[in-house]
Amino acid sequence: MKRQRASAFERAGRALAERLPETPAFAAAGRVVLYAALPDEVPTRYAFAAALPRKRSLWFPRTVATGLEFAPVERWEALRPGAHGVLEPEPSAPAEPLAATDLVLVPGLAFDRRGRRLGRGGGHYDRAFPPDRPHPLLYGVAFAWQVLDALPSQPHDLRVDALLTEEDLRPIDRRVEC
């Protein structure tokens, strides 16, 4: 059973690696922000390897006292365990604010068809990209089975612009009311 799960996770990670560089948002992005997956998330290491030759550097979130900041990473091996055990850029990597021209891959436990996200409860991504301010293009990354019809949400909760699964890219119609 464990081997089947690993195989399904690897297939999803490889599908993400094939799909991401082919999206128009990837080609247009000034910077692309990935995340280092936890054991129950779609793995991004394959996407890192596939995307790096097409971008000078890829960026990752780093947890700091005020929330998340973002720094470039040129080698997967440069990532180090952070405050929550998640791999992130070394403290010496220079952080910069993101722009509306950037693309951010956002992990989650679940997403709904309106772009709402269920995170792990820390609010890190919600604070990094508040809904009342301009932010980069946000792609929620999930397994297809993690996309639900509806999730509860609060006004401060992050909504993503599209969902990227092992099956497809699903744009979110932002005009649809929550």
C-alpha atoms as a PDB file:
ATOM      1  CA  MET A   1       0.000   0.000   0.000  1.00  0.00           C
ATOM      2  CA  LYS A   2       2.812   2.397   0.889  1.00  0.00           C
ATOM      3  CA  ARG A   3       4.471   1.682  -2.463  1.00  0.00           C
ATOM      4  CA  GLN A   4       1.214   2.422  -4.348  1.00  0.00           C
ATOM      5  CA  ARG A   5       0.918   5.753  -2.517  1.00  0.00           C
ATOM      6  CA  ALA A   6       4.510   6.668  -3.357  1.00  0.00           C
ATOM      7  CA  SER A   7       3.898   5.753  -6.971  1.00  0.00           C
ATOM      8  CA  ALA A   8       0.735   7.907  -7.134  1.00  0.00           C
ATOM      9  CA  PHE A   9       2.594  10.837  -5.550  1.00  0.00           C
ATOM     10  CA  GLU A  10       5.491  10.414  -7.990  1.00  0.00           C
ATOM     11  CA  ARG A  11       3.089  10.300 -10.966  1.00  0.00           C
ATOM     12  CA  ALA A  12       1.394  13.480  -9.751  1.00  0.00           C
ATOM     13  CA  GLY A  13       4.749  15.201  -9.261  1.00  0.00           C
ATOM     14  CA  ARG A  14       5.868  14.229 -12.752  1.00  0.00           C
ATOM     15  CA  ALA A  15       2.555  15.401 -14.253  1.00  0.00           C
ATOM     16  CA  LEU A  16       3.017  18.766 -12.504  1.00  0.00           C
ATOM     17  CA  ALA A  17       6.549  18.965 -13.916  1.00  0.00           C
ATOM     18  CA  GLU A  18       5.207  18.416 -17.435  1.00  0.00           C
ATOM     19  CA  ARG A  19       2.230  20.750 -17.126  1.00  0.00           C
ATOM     20  CA  LEU A  20       3.689  23.767 -15.278  1.00  0.00           C
ATOM     21  CA  PRO A  21       6.311  24.910 -17.829  1.00  0.00           C
ATOM     22  CA  GLU A  22       3.689  24.678 -20.595  1.00  0.00           C
ATOM     23  CA  THR A  23       1.276  27.132 -18.947  1.00  0.00           C
ATOM     24  CA  PRO A  24       1.131  30.678 -20.346  1.00  0.00           C
ATOM     25  CA  ALA A  25       1.483  32.042 -16.796  1.00  0.00           C
ATOM     26  CA  PHE A  26       4.812  30.257 -16.360  1.00  0.00           C
ATOM     27  CA  ALA A  27       6.189  31.706 -19.591  1.00  0.00           C
ATOM     28  CA  ALA A  28       5.010  35.218 -18.688  1.00  0.00           C
ATOM     29  CA  ALA A  29       6.072  35.159 -15.031  1.00  0.00           C
ATOM     30  CA  GLY A  30       8.927  37.315 -13.851  1.00  0.00           C
ATOM     31  CA  ARG A  31       9.558  34.851 -11.029  1.00  0.00           C
ATOM     32  CA  VAL A  32       8.080  31.449 -10.242  1.00  0.00           C
ATOM     33  CA  VAL A  33       7.632  30.481  -6.590  1.00  0.00           C
ATOM     34  CA  LEU A  34       7.488  26.781  -5.753  1.00  0.00           C
ATOM     35  CA  TYR A  35       7.171  25.102  -2.365  1.00  0.00           C
ATOM     36  CA  ALA A  36       8.955  22.085  -0.935  1.00  0.00           C
ATOM     37  CA  ALA A  37       6.191  19.552  -0.443  1.00  0.00           C
ATOM     38  CA  LEU A  38       5.309  17.914   2.821  1.00  0.00           C
ATOM     39  CA  PRO A  39       4.715  14.128   2.640  1.00  0.00           C
ATOM     40  CA  ASP A  40       0.978  14.541   1.905  1.00  0.00           C
ATOM     41  CA  GLU A  41       1.350  17.239  -0.791  1.00  0.00           C
ATOM     42  CA  VAL A  42       1.973  17.060  -4.530  1.00  0.00           C
ATOM     43  CA  PRO A  43       5.770  16.854  -4.794  1.00  0.00           C
ATOM     44  CA  THR A  44       7.445  19.777  -6.542  1.00  0.00           C
ATOM     45  CA  ARG A  45      11.001  18.501  -6.916  1.00  0.00           C
ATOM     46  CA  TYR A  46      10.306  17.250 -10.456  1.00  0.00           C
ATOM     47  CA  ALA A  47       8.773  20.623 -11.347  1.00  0.00           C
ATOM     48  CA  PHE A  48      11.873  22.341  -9.968  1.00  0.00           C
ATOM     49  CA  ALA A  49      14.122  20.239 -12.210  1.00  0.00           C
ATOM     50  CA  ALA A  50      11.896  20.812 -15.259  1.00  0.00           C
ATOM     51  CA  ALA A  51      11.442  24.544 -14.690  1.00  0.00           C
ATOM     52  CA  LEU A  52      14.962  25.583 -13.685  1.00  0.00           C
ATOM     53  CA  PRO A  53      16.444  25.487 -17.220  1.00  0.00           C
ATOM     54  CA  ARG A  54      13.687  27.879 -18.356  1.00  0.00           C
ATOM     55  CA  LYS A  55      14.033  30.390 -15.503  1.00  0.00           C
ATOM     56  CA  ARG A  56      17.266  31.825 -14.089  1.00  0.00           C
ATOM     57  CA  SER A  57      16.175  30.953 -10.601  1.00  0.00           C
ATOM     58  CA  LEU A  58      13.115  29.683  -8.867  1.00  0.00           C
ATOM     59  CA  TRP A  59      11.871  31.072  -5.588  1.00  0.00           C
ATOM     60  CA  PHE A  60      10.619  29.473  -2.392  1.00  0.00           C
ATOM     61  CA  PRO A  61       8.834  30.741   0.715  1.00  0.00           C
ATOM     62  CA  ARG A  62      10.701  31.085   3.973  1.00  0.00           C
ATOM     63  CA  THR A  63       8.995  31.408   7.350  1.00  0.00           C
ATOM     64  CA  VAL A  64      10.033  34.456   9.384  1.00  0.00           C
ATOM     65  CA  ALA A  65       8.549  36.103  12.469  1.00  0.00           C
ATOM     66  CA  THR A  66       6.244  38.285  10.354  1.00  0.00           C
ATOM     67  CA  GLY A  67       5.004  35.461   8.093  1.00  0.00           C
ATOM     68  CA  LEU A  68       6.434  34.419   4.738  1.00  0.00           C
ATOM     69  CA  GLU A  69       9.151  35.981   2.658  1.00  0.00           C
ATOM     70  CA  PHE A  70      10.445  34.751  -0.686  1.00  0.00           C
ATOM     71  CA  ALA A  71      14.003  34.051  -1.806  1.00  0.00           C
ATOM     72  CA  PRO A  72      15.675  32.534  -4.861  1.00  0.00           C
ATOM     73  CA  VAL A  73      17.010  28.991  -4.955  1.00  0.00           C
ATOM     74  CA  GLU A  74      19.256  27.719  -7.728  1.00  0.00           C
ATOM     75  CA  ARG A  75      19.778  24.165  -6.437  1.00  0.00           C
ATOM     76  CA  TRP A  76      17.296  21.951  -4.598  1.00  0.00           C
ATOM     77  CA  GLU A  77      20.141  20.923  -2.290  1.00  0.00           C
ATOM     78  CA  ALA A  78      20.385  24.548  -1.102  1.00  0.00           C
ATOM     79  CA  LEU A  79      17.041  24.183   0.711  1.00  0.00           C
ATOM     80  CA  ARG A  80      17.252  23.673   4.479  1.00  0.00           C
ATOM     81  CA  PRO A  81      14.651  22.611   7.071  1.00  0.00           C
ATOM     82  CA  GLY A  82      12.895  25.705   8.401  1.00  0.00           C
ATOM     83  CA  ALA A  83      10.889  26.545  11.494  1.00  0.00           C
ATOM     84  CA  HIS A  84       8.186  23.962  10.749  1.00  0.00           C
ATOM     85  CA  GLY A  85      10.459  21.317   9.258  1.00  0.00           C
ATOM     86  CA  VAL A  86       9.586  22.412   5.717  1.00  0.00           C
ATOM     87  CA  LEU A  87      12.506  22.869   3.334  1.00  0.00           C
ATOM     88  CA  GLU A  88      13.115  26.538   2.571  1.00  0.00           C
ATOM     89  CA  PRO A  89      15.869  28.886   1.386  1.00  0.00           C
ATOM     90  CA  GLU A  90      18.862  29.396   3.634  1.00  0.00           C
ATOM     91  CA  PRO A  91      18.605  32.460   5.910  1.00  0.00           C
ATOM     92  CA  SER A  92      21.403  34.121   3.931  1.00  0.00           C
ATOM     93  CA  ALA A  93      19.446  33.990   0.638  1.00  0.00           C
ATOM     94  CA  PRO A  94      18.228  37.543  -0.115  1.00  0.00           C
ATOM     95  CA  ALA A  95      14.457  37.950   0.123  1.00  0.00           C
ATOM     96  CA  GLU A  96      12.471  40.299  -2.108  1.00  0.00           C
ATOM     97  CA  PRO A  97       8.800  41.232  -2.271  1.00  0.00           C
ATOM     98  CA  LEU A  98       6.849  39.563  -5.050  1.00  0.00           C
ATOM     99  CA  ALA A  99       5.148  41.444  -7.875  1.00  0.00           C
ATOM    100  CA  ALA A 100       1.903  41.040  -9.786  1.00  0.00           C
ATOM    101  CA  THR A 101       3.958  39.601 -12.668  1.00  0.00           C
ATOM    102  CA  ASP A 102       5.099  36.605 -10.595  1.00  0.00           C
ATOM    103  CA  LEU A 103       3.521  33.143 -10.343  1.00  0.00           C
ATOM    104  CA  VAL A 104       3.191  31.405  -6.961  1.00  0.00           C
ATOM    105  CA  LEU A 105       2.349  27.732  -6.479  1.00  0.00           C
ATOM    106  CA  VAL A 106       0.356  27.402  -3.276  1.00  0.00           C
ATOM    107  CA  PRO A 107      -0.057  24.085  -1.433  1.00  0.00           C
ATOM    108  CA  GLY A 108      -3.199  23.167   0.447  1.00  0.00           C
ATOM    109  CA  LEU A 109      -5.058  20.331   2.108  1.00  0.00           C
ATOM    110  CA  ALA A 110      -8.053  21.041  -0.139  1.00  0.00           C
ATOM    111  CA  PHE A 111      -9.358  23.620  -2.612  1.00  0.00           C
ATOM    112  CA  ASP A 112     -12.797  24.248  -3.993  1.00  0.00           C
ATOM    113  CA  ARG A 113     -13.960  25.112  -7.475  1.00  0.00           C
ATOM    114  CA  ARG A 114     -14.183  28.803  -6.520  1.00  0.00           C
ATOM    115  CA  GLY A 115     -10.531  28.997  -5.545  1.00  0.00           C
ATOM    116  CA  ARG A 116     -10.964  28.781  -1.792  1.00  0.00           C
ATOM    117  CA  ARG A 117      -8.199  27.000   0.066  1.00  0.00           C
ATOM    118  CA  LEU A 118      -7.956  24.918   3.204  1.00  0.00           C
ATOM    119  CA  GLY A 119      -4.442  25.293   4.581  1.00  0.00           C
ATOM    120  CA  ARG A 120      -2.849  23.936   7.738  1.00  0.00           C
ATOM    121  CA  GLY A 121      -4.212  26.644  10.000  1.00  0.00           C
ATOM    122  CA  GLY A 122      -1.186  28.910  10.338  1.00  0.00           C
ATOM    123  CA  GLY A 123      -2.479  31.607   7.975  1.00  0.00           C
ATOM    124  CA  HIS A 124       0.949  32.102   6.388  1.00  0.00           C
ATOM    125  CA  TYR A 125      -0.262  32.308   2.787  1.00  0.00           C
ATOM    126  CA  ASP A 126      -3.382  34.288   3.808  1.00  0.00           C
ATOM    127  CA  ARG A 127      -1.165  36.961   5.384  1.00  0.00           C
ATOM    128  CA  ALA A 128       1.364  36.890   2.534  1.00  0.00           C
ATOM    129  CA  PHE A 129      -1.344  37.567  -0.076  1.00  0.00           C
ATOM    130  CA  PRO A 130      -4.264  39.404   1.559  1.00  0.00           C
ATOM    131  CA  PRO A 131      -7.340  39.686  -0.683  1.00  0.00           C
ATOM    132  CA  ASP A 132      -7.475  43.492  -0.415  1.00  0.00           C
ATOM    133  CA  ARG A 133      -4.041  44.023  -2.043  1.00  0.00           C
ATOM    134  CA  PRO A 134      -2.617  43.233  -5.474  1.00  0.00           C
ATOM    135  CA  HIS A 135      -0.702  39.992  -5.504  1.00  0.00           C
ATOM    136  CA  PRO A 136       1.003  37.581  -7.910  1.00  0.00           C
ATOM    137  CA  LEU A 137      -0.942  35.009  -9.881  1.00  0.00           C
ATOM    138  CA  LEU A 138      -1.692  32.177  -7.456  1.00  0.00           C
ATOM    139  CA  TYR A 139      -1.980  28.562  -8.591  1.00  0.00           C
ATOM    140  CA  GLY A 140      -3.328  26.166  -5.995  1.00  0.00           C
ATOM    141  CA  VAL A 141      -1.542  22.834  -6.383  1.00  0.00           C
ATOM    142  CA  ALA A 142      -3.397  19.709  -5.350  1.00  0.00           C
ATOM    143  CA  PHE A 143      -4.281  16.190  -6.281  1.00  0.00           C
ATOM    144  CA  ALA A 144      -7.514  16.093  -8.287  1.00  0.00           C
ATOM    145  CA  TRP A 145      -9.259  14.355  -5.368  1.00  0.00           C
ATOM    146  CA  GLN A 146      -8.460  17.361  -3.137  1.00  0.00           C
ATOM    147  CA  VAL A 147     -10.650  19.665  -5.269  1.00  0.00           C
ATOM    148  CA  LEU A 148     -14.088  19.850  -3.658  1.00  0.00           C
ATOM    149  CA  ASP A 149     -17.336  21.525  -4.634  1.00  0.00           C
ATOM    150  CA  ALA A 150     -17.252  23.988  -1.729  1.00  0.00           C
ATOM    151  CA  LEU A 151     -15.214  24.917   1.342  1.00  0.00           C
ATOM    152  CA  PRO A 152     -16.123  27.314   4.137  1.00  0.00           C
ATOM    153  CA  SER A 153     -14.189  30.578   4.126  1.00  0.00           C
ATOM    154  CA  GLN A 154     -13.715  33.887   5.859  1.00  0.00           C
ATOM    155  CA  PRO A 155     -13.210  37.269   4.143  1.00  0.00           C
ATOM    156  CA  HIS A 156      -9.468  37.196   4.939  1.00  0.00           C
ATOM    157  CA  ASP A 157      -8.948  33.718   3.427  1.00  0.00           C
ATOM    158  CA  LEU A 158      -6.728  33.362   0.392  1.00  0.00           C
ATOM    159  CA  ARG A 159      -8.364  32.508  -2.932  1.00  0.00           C
ATOM    160  CA  VAL A 160      -6.272  31.149  -5.772  1.00  0.00           C
ATOM    161  CA  ASP A 161      -6.587  32.139  -9.431  1.00  0.00           C
ATOM    162  CA  ALA A 162      -6.335  28.606 -10.820  1.00  0.00           C
ATOM    163  CA  LEU A 163      -5.988  25.004  -9.691  1.00  0.00           C
ATOM    164  CA  LEU A 164      -3.157  22.879 -11.032  1.00  0.00           C
ATOM    165  CA  THR A 165      -3.653  19.140 -10.531  1.00  0.00           C
ATOM    166  CA  GLU A 166      -2.095  16.032 -12.011  1.00  0.00           C
ATOM    167  CA  GLU A 167      -5.042  16.006 -14.420  1.00  0.00           C
ATOM    168  CA  ASP A 168      -5.370  19.598 -15.610  1.00  0.00           C
ATOM    169  CA  LEU A 169      -5.171  23.344 -15.086  1.00  0.00           C
ATOM    170  CA  ARG A 170      -8.513  24.765 -13.957  1.00  0.00           C
ATOM    171  CA  PRO A 171      -8.837  28.556 -14.134  1.00  0.00           C
ATOM    172  CA  ILE A 172     -11.061  30.094 -11.456  1.00  0.00           C
ATOM    173  CA  ASP A 173     -13.737  32.563 -12.470  1.00  0.00           C
ATOM    174  CA  ARG A 174     -13.035  35.335  -9.934  1.00  0.00           C
ATOM    175  CA  ARG A 175     -16.388  36.951 -10.740  1.00  0.00           C
ATOM    176  CA  VAL A 176     -18.166  34.086  -8.997  1.00  0.00           C
ATOM    177  CA  GLU A 177     -19.205  35.137  -5.524  1.00  0.00           C
ATOM    178  CA  CYS A 178     -17.990  33.194  -2.540  1.00  0.00           C
END
